[in-house]
Amino acid sequence: MTRKTFPKLFRKTATGAVDQWEISVAGRTITTRWGQIGGSLQTTSEVIAAGKVLGRVDETTPEEQAVLEAGGYVENTLRMWSQETAGRIVEEQSPEYTPLDSAGVRWVRVFLRARVELETGTPDAGFQGQVTADQPAYREGDLIRLAVASSRQARAYLFAVQPSGAARLIWPNRFDTLNTVIFGDTLNLPRSGSGYVFTAELDRSAPVPQSEMVLAVFTRGPNQVFTPAEAFERAFTLAELNTRVMRVPRDARTDSWTVYSIEAARSANEPRR
């Protein structure tokens, strides 16, 4: 049985406590453990039932696929935790995916290089936002529905962040420019009859399946991350986006994330979700 343990990740929270996160693979089973040091850890397990792209040169066995997917979880956790600390990525090189072969098992090593700048100011603990996706996993071409809520009236901006670090503003957009979130309300997007959809798309520069993050930035008062004219249908690097976000005072903004996986498109006779 193939076993692989990835390095543990740690972060310091706003209260001074230290969180830890770790992931390991045994055969086709991915096990994730997380929690605060000194407290109880939560554990989840996921069994990979089958490999991917069967019949092709780059096909994977369930065991190989488990290692690939675990590596993707590590990358996404690094990205999310870098957003939640007192610093943000302001300069980043594109991830390098290096195929390796170890004891007959193909896997991928991912290198992330970034420069992080510390933020100043004090966040408002009572200002919280949330974004959630309607499913944890999609196939390429599937429709995605998002729910957005805030503890204060605020402007919200939703960005789809791909494994390469490319970020795209997906809401507001030219079909739906009203991005105010009212306290107590949950916005379900796209709104009915709005004339647009959110579609699961693969990043062709990264292995499949892959995880995509939707980053929601909430701002209060006159603060804006981007004006509609400069942001619609434009791609940003995550570093460029963070630089813009850091211009908004910390007590006037908050962030939220949701992560889902995207697999290759289904065959013609498979039903769409």
Protein backbone atom coordinates (compact mmCIF):
# COMPACT_ATOMS: atom_id res chain seq x y z
CA MET A 1 0.00 0.00 0.00
CA THR A 2 1.32 3.42 -0.97
CA ARG A 3 1.57 5.88 1.92
CA LYS A 4 2.37 9.60 1.74
CA THR A 5 2.27 12.26 4.44
CA PHE A 6 2.49 15.93 3.49
CA PRO A 7 4.17 18.53 5.75
CA LYS A 8 1.92 19.95 8.49
CA LEU A 9 0.64 23.50 8.08
CA PHE A 10 0.35 25.97 10.97
CA ARG A 11 -1.14 29.45 11.40
CA LYS A 12 -1.55 31.86 14.30
CA THR A 13 -5.11 33.10 14.83
CA ALA A 14 -6.22 36.56 15.92
CA THR A 15 -6.59 35.28 19.52
CA GLY A 16 -3.01 33.99 19.62
CA ALA A 17 -3.95 30.31 19.35
CA VAL A 18 -2.20 28.15 16.75
CA ASP A 19 -4.12 26.04 14.25
CA GLN A 20 -2.64 23.01 12.57
CA TRP A 21 -3.71 21.16 9.42
CA GLU A 22 -2.32 17.95 7.99
CA ILE A 23 -3.20 15.49 5.27
CA SER A 24 -1.98 11.99 4.43
CA VAL A 25 -2.69 9.27 1.90
CA ALA A 26 -2.83 5.52 2.51
CA GLY A 27 -3.66 3.61 -0.65
CA ARG A 28 -6.76 5.27 -2.05
CA THR A 29 -7.82 6.91 1.25
CA ILE A 30 -7.16 10.61 1.97
CA THR A 31 -7.22 11.53 5.67
CA THR A 32 -7.33 15.17 6.84
CA ARG A 33 -6.86 16.31 10.46
CA TRP A 34 -7.15 19.87 11.73
CA GLY A 35 -7.75 21.91 14.87
CA GLN A 36 -6.00 24.05 17.46
CA ILE A 37 -2.81 22.82 19.10
CA GLY A 38 -3.67 21.68 22.60
CA GLY A 39 -7.28 21.01 21.68
CA SER A 40 -9.14 18.18 20.00
CA LEU A 41 -8.50 17.57 16.32
CA GLN A 42 -11.19 16.85 13.76
CA THR A 43 -10.62 14.07 11.24
CA THR A 44 -12.24 13.34 7.90
CA SER A 45 -11.52 10.58 5.39
CA GLU A 46 -12.24 10.37 1.67
CA VAL A 47 -11.89 7.24 -0.45
CA ILE A 48 -11.02 7.71 -4.12
CA ALA A 49 -13.11 5.16 -5.99
CA ALA A 50 -11.44 5.39 -9.40
CA GLY A 51 -8.58 6.94 -11.32
CA LYS A 52 -8.98 9.61 -13.98
CA VAL A 53 -8.59 9.96 -17.78
CA LEU A 54 -8.66 6.17 -18.17
CA GLY A 55 -7.28 4.84 -21.42
CA ARG A 56 -4.99 7.84 -21.97
CA VAL A 57 -1.26 8.18 -21.50
CA ASP A 58 -1.76 10.31 -18.39
CA GLU A 59 -4.36 8.05 -16.78
CA THR A 60 -4.11 7.54 -13.02
CA THR A 61 -4.93 4.67 -10.68
CA PRO A 62 -7.12 5.38 -7.61
CA GLU A 63 -3.95 5.43 -5.46
CA GLU A 64 -2.19 7.90 -7.76
CA GLN A 65 -5.30 10.05 -7.95
CA ALA A 66 -5.52 10.15 -4.15
CA VAL A 67 -1.99 11.61 -3.95
CA LEU A 68 -2.78 14.18 -6.67
CA GLU A 69 -5.98 15.31 -4.97
CA ALA A 70 -4.30 15.54 -1.56
CA GLY A 71 -1.64 17.78 -3.10
CA GLY A 72 -4.39 20.03 -4.44
CA TYR A 73 -5.91 20.29 -0.96
CA VAL A 74 -2.53 21.39 0.41
CA GLU A 75 -2.24 24.11 -2.22
CA ASN A 76 -5.74 25.45 -1.55
CA THR A 77 -5.21 25.45 2.22
CA LEU A 78 -2.00 27.44 1.75
CA ARG A 79 -3.86 29.97 -0.39
CA MET A 80 -6.76 30.34 2.05
CA TRP A 81 -4.57 30.62 5.13
CA SER A 82 -2.41 33.25 3.47
CA GLN A 83 -5.61 35.31 3.12
CA GLU A 84 -6.63 34.85 6.77
CA THR A 85 -3.40 35.93 8.48
CA ALA A 86 -2.15 39.47 9.14
CA GLY A 87 -0.41 39.48 5.76
CA ARG A 88 -1.45 39.03 2.14
CA ILE A 89 0.29 37.76 -0.96
CA VAL A 90 1.33 40.83 -2.98
CA GLU A 91 3.67 39.09 -5.41
CA GLU A 92 3.38 35.50 -6.61
CA GLN A 93 4.95 33.27 -9.24
CA SER A 94 2.75 30.80 -11.06
CA PRO A 95 2.76 27.33 -9.45
CA GLU A 96 5.17 24.83 -11.01
CA TYR A 97 3.77 21.31 -11.46
CA THR A 98 6.64 18.81 -11.64
CA PRO A 99 5.66 15.19 -12.48
CA LEU A 100 7.57 12.63 -10.40
CA ASP A 101 7.74 8.89 -10.19
CA SER A 102 8.34 7.24 -6.82
CA ALA A 103 8.21 3.47 -6.38
CA GLY A 104 6.02 3.15 -9.46
CA VAL A 105 3.54 5.82 -8.30
CA ARG A 106 3.15 8.98 -10.36
CA TRP A 107 2.49 12.16 -8.42
CA VAL A 108 3.01 15.89 -8.73
CA ARG A 109 5.14 18.25 -6.66
CA VAL A 110 3.81 21.81 -6.52
CA PHE A 111 6.08 24.79 -5.84
CA LEU A 112 4.50 28.04 -4.64
CA ARG A 113 6.60 31.20 -4.37
CA ALA A 114 5.15 34.41 -3.01
CA ARG A 115 5.95 37.64 -1.16
CA VAL A 116 3.66 38.56 1.74
CA GLU A 117 3.20 42.03 3.22
CA LEU A 118 1.83 42.57 6.72
CA GLU A 119 -1.34 44.60 7.16
CA THR A 120 -1.95 47.38 9.65
CA GLY A 121 -5.08 48.34 11.55
CA THR A 122 -7.61 46.32 13.53
CA PRO A 123 -10.40 44.27 11.92
CA ASP A 124 -13.99 44.73 13.11
CA ALA A 125 -14.88 41.45 14.85
CA GLY A 126 -18.60 42.14 14.38
CA PHE A 127 -18.32 42.49 10.61
CA GLN A 128 -18.54 39.01 9.06
CA GLY A 129 -19.41 37.85 5.55
CA GLN A 130 -20.09 34.44 4.08
CA VAL A 131 -20.16 32.84 0.65
CA THR A 132 -21.14 29.21 -0.01
CA ALA A 133 -21.49 27.05 -3.12
CA ASP A 134 -24.48 24.77 -3.65
CA GLN A 135 -22.27 21.69 -4.19
CA PRO A 136 -18.78 20.54 -3.12
CA ALA A 137 -17.87 19.19 -6.58
CA TYR A 138 -18.73 19.92 -10.21
CA ARG A 139 -17.94 18.69 -13.71
CA GLU A 140 -16.63 21.11 -16.32
CA GLY A 141 -19.63 22.94 -17.75
CA ASP A 142 -21.86 22.43 -14.70
CA LEU A 143 -23.80 25.41 -13.38
CA ILE A 144 -22.69 26.82 -10.01
CA ARG A 145 -24.98 28.64 -7.60
CA LEU A 146 -23.61 30.80 -4.79
CA ALA A 147 -25.19 32.21 -1.63
CA VAL A 148 -23.89 35.46 -0.07
CA ALA A 149 -24.69 36.96 3.35
CA SER A 150 -23.22 39.66 5.63
CA SER A 151 -23.59 40.69 9.27
CA ARG A 152 -23.66 44.36 8.19
CA GLN A 153 -24.93 46.15 5.13
CA ALA A 154 -22.01 46.03 2.72
CA ARG A 155 -20.83 45.86 -0.86
CA ALA A 156 -19.75 42.38 -1.91
CA TYR A 157 -17.32 41.31 -4.64
CA LEU A 158 -16.97 37.68 -5.72
CA PHE A 159 -13.77 36.48 -7.40
CA ALA A 160 -13.13 33.03 -8.88
CA VAL A 161 -9.50 32.09 -8.12
CA GLN A 162 -8.03 29.26 -10.21
CA PRO A 163 -5.08 26.99 -9.22
CA SER A 164 -2.72 29.16 -11.29
CA GLY A 165 -3.59 32.17 -9.09
CA ALA A 166 -5.61 33.94 -11.79
CA ALA A 167 -8.58 35.79 -10.26
CA ARG A 168 -11.69 36.93 -12.12
CA LEU A 169 -14.45 39.18 -10.82
CA ILE A 170 -17.66 37.19 -11.36
CA TRP A 171 -20.06 39.43 -9.37
CA PRO A 172 -21.02 42.22 -9.74
CA ASN A 173 -20.95 41.98 -13.52
CA ARG A 174 -22.40 43.78 -16.51
CA PHE A 175 -25.69 41.86 -16.13
CA ASP A 176 -26.03 42.48 -12.39
CA THR A 177 -24.35 45.65 -11.08
CA LEU A 178 -26.16 45.95 -7.73
CA ASN A 179 -23.79 44.32 -5.23
CA THR A 180 -25.19 45.62 -1.94
CA VAL A 181 -25.87 42.91 0.66
CA ILE A 182 -28.48 43.77 3.31
CA PHE A 183 -28.06 42.49 6.87
CA GLY A 184 -30.40 39.54 7.48
CA ASP A 185 -30.80 38.71 3.78
CA THR A 186 -29.13 35.93 1.82
CA LEU A 187 -28.50 36.64 -1.84
CA ASN A 188 -28.74 33.59 -4.10
CA LEU A 189 -26.68 34.13 -7.23
CA PRO A 190 -27.24 34.29 -10.10
CA ARG A 191 -30.54 36.01 -9.37
CA SER A 192 -33.57 34.70 -11.20
CA GLY A 193 -33.85 36.19 -14.69
CA SER A 194 -30.54 38.05 -14.44
CA GLY A 195 -29.31 36.81 -17.83
CA TYR A 196 -26.04 35.13 -16.78
CA VAL A 197 -24.79 31.92 -15.17
CA PHE A 198 -21.72 30.74 -13.22
CA THR A 199 -20.10 27.82 -15.03
CA ALA A 200 -17.45 25.39 -13.76
CA GLU A 201 -14.31 25.92 -15.84
CA LEU A 202 -10.97 24.07 -15.75
CA ASP A 203 -7.60 25.79 -15.61
CA ARG A 204 -5.77 24.15 -18.54
CA SER A 205 -2.37 24.82 -16.96
CA ALA A 206 -3.10 22.63 -13.91
CA PRO A 207 -3.74 18.90 -13.36
CA VAL A 208 -7.31 17.55 -13.29
CA PRO A 209 -9.30 17.31 -11.08
CA GLN A 210 -8.58 20.68 -9.54
CA SER A 211 -10.01 22.93 -6.86
CA GLU A 212 -11.31 26.44 -7.42
CA MET A 213 -11.79 29.03 -4.71
CA VAL A 214 -14.43 31.75 -4.73
CA LEU A 215 -13.19 34.69 -2.68
CA ALA A 216 -15.82 37.12 -1.38
CA VAL A 217 -14.67 40.57 -0.27
CA PHE A 218 -17.15 42.68 1.72
CA THR A 219 -16.60 46.43 2.22
CA ARG A 220 -18.51 49.07 4.20
CA GLY A 221 -18.88 52.78 3.63
CA PRO A 222 -17.54 54.40 0.45
CA ASN A 223 -14.75 51.85 0.05
CA GLN A 224 -14.62 49.89 -3.21
CA VAL A 225 -12.18 47.19 -4.28
CA PHE A 226 -12.76 47.87 -7.98
CA THR A 227 -15.07 50.14 -9.89
CA PRO A 228 -17.29 48.27 -12.36
CA ALA A 229 -15.69 49.93 -15.38
CA GLU A 230 -12.20 48.62 -14.60
CA ALA A 231 -13.10 45.20 -13.24
CA PHE A 232 -15.77 43.61 -15.42
CA GLU A 233 -14.54 40.62 -17.43
CA ARG A 234 -10.91 41.32 -16.57
CA ALA A 235 -8.46 38.79 -15.12
CA PHE A 236 -6.20 39.68 -12.18
CA THR A 237 -3.40 37.90 -10.41
CA LEU A 238 -4.14 37.05 -6.79
CA ALA A 239 -1.27 39.36 -5.80
CA GLU A 240 -2.83 42.27 -7.72
CA LEU A 241 -6.19 41.59 -6.13
CA ASN A 242 -4.68 41.52 -2.63
CA THR A 243 -2.93 44.82 -3.27
CA ARG A 244 -6.30 46.39 -4.11
CA VAL A 245 -8.02 44.80 -1.12
CA MET A 246 -5.34 46.12 1.28
CA ARG A 247 -6.23 49.69 0.27
CA VAL A 248 -9.54 49.29 2.13
CA PRO A 249 -9.11 49.85 5.91
CA ARG A 250 -9.23 46.59 7.87
CA ASP A 251 -12.16 47.75 10.00
CA ALA A 252 -14.19 48.40 6.81
CA ARG A 253 -13.77 45.00 5.12
CA THR A 254 -13.98 41.29 5.69
CA ASP A 255 -13.44 38.18 3.55
CA SER A 256 -14.96 34.75 3.07
CA TRP A 257 -14.08 31.75 0.89
CA THR A 258 -15.70 28.66 -0.49
CA VAL A 259 -13.78 25.89 -2.28
CA TYR A 260 -15.09 23.20 -4.63
CA SER A 261 -13.51 20.67 -6.98
CA ILE A 262 -13.91 20.56 -10.77
CA GLU A 263 -13.49 17.40 -12.82
CA ALA A 264 -13.40 16.81 -16.56
CA ALA A 265 -16.65 17.23 -18.50
CA ARG A 266 -19.11 14.34 -18.47
CA SER A 267 -19.78 12.23 -21.52
CA ALA A 268 -22.63 13.17 -23.87
CA ASN A 269 -25.09 10.69 -22.32
CA GLU A 270 -24.46 11.77 -18.71
CA PRO A 271 -27.09 14.13 -17.27
CA ARG A 272 -26.02 17.64 -16.27
CA ARG A 273 -26.58 18.61 -12.65
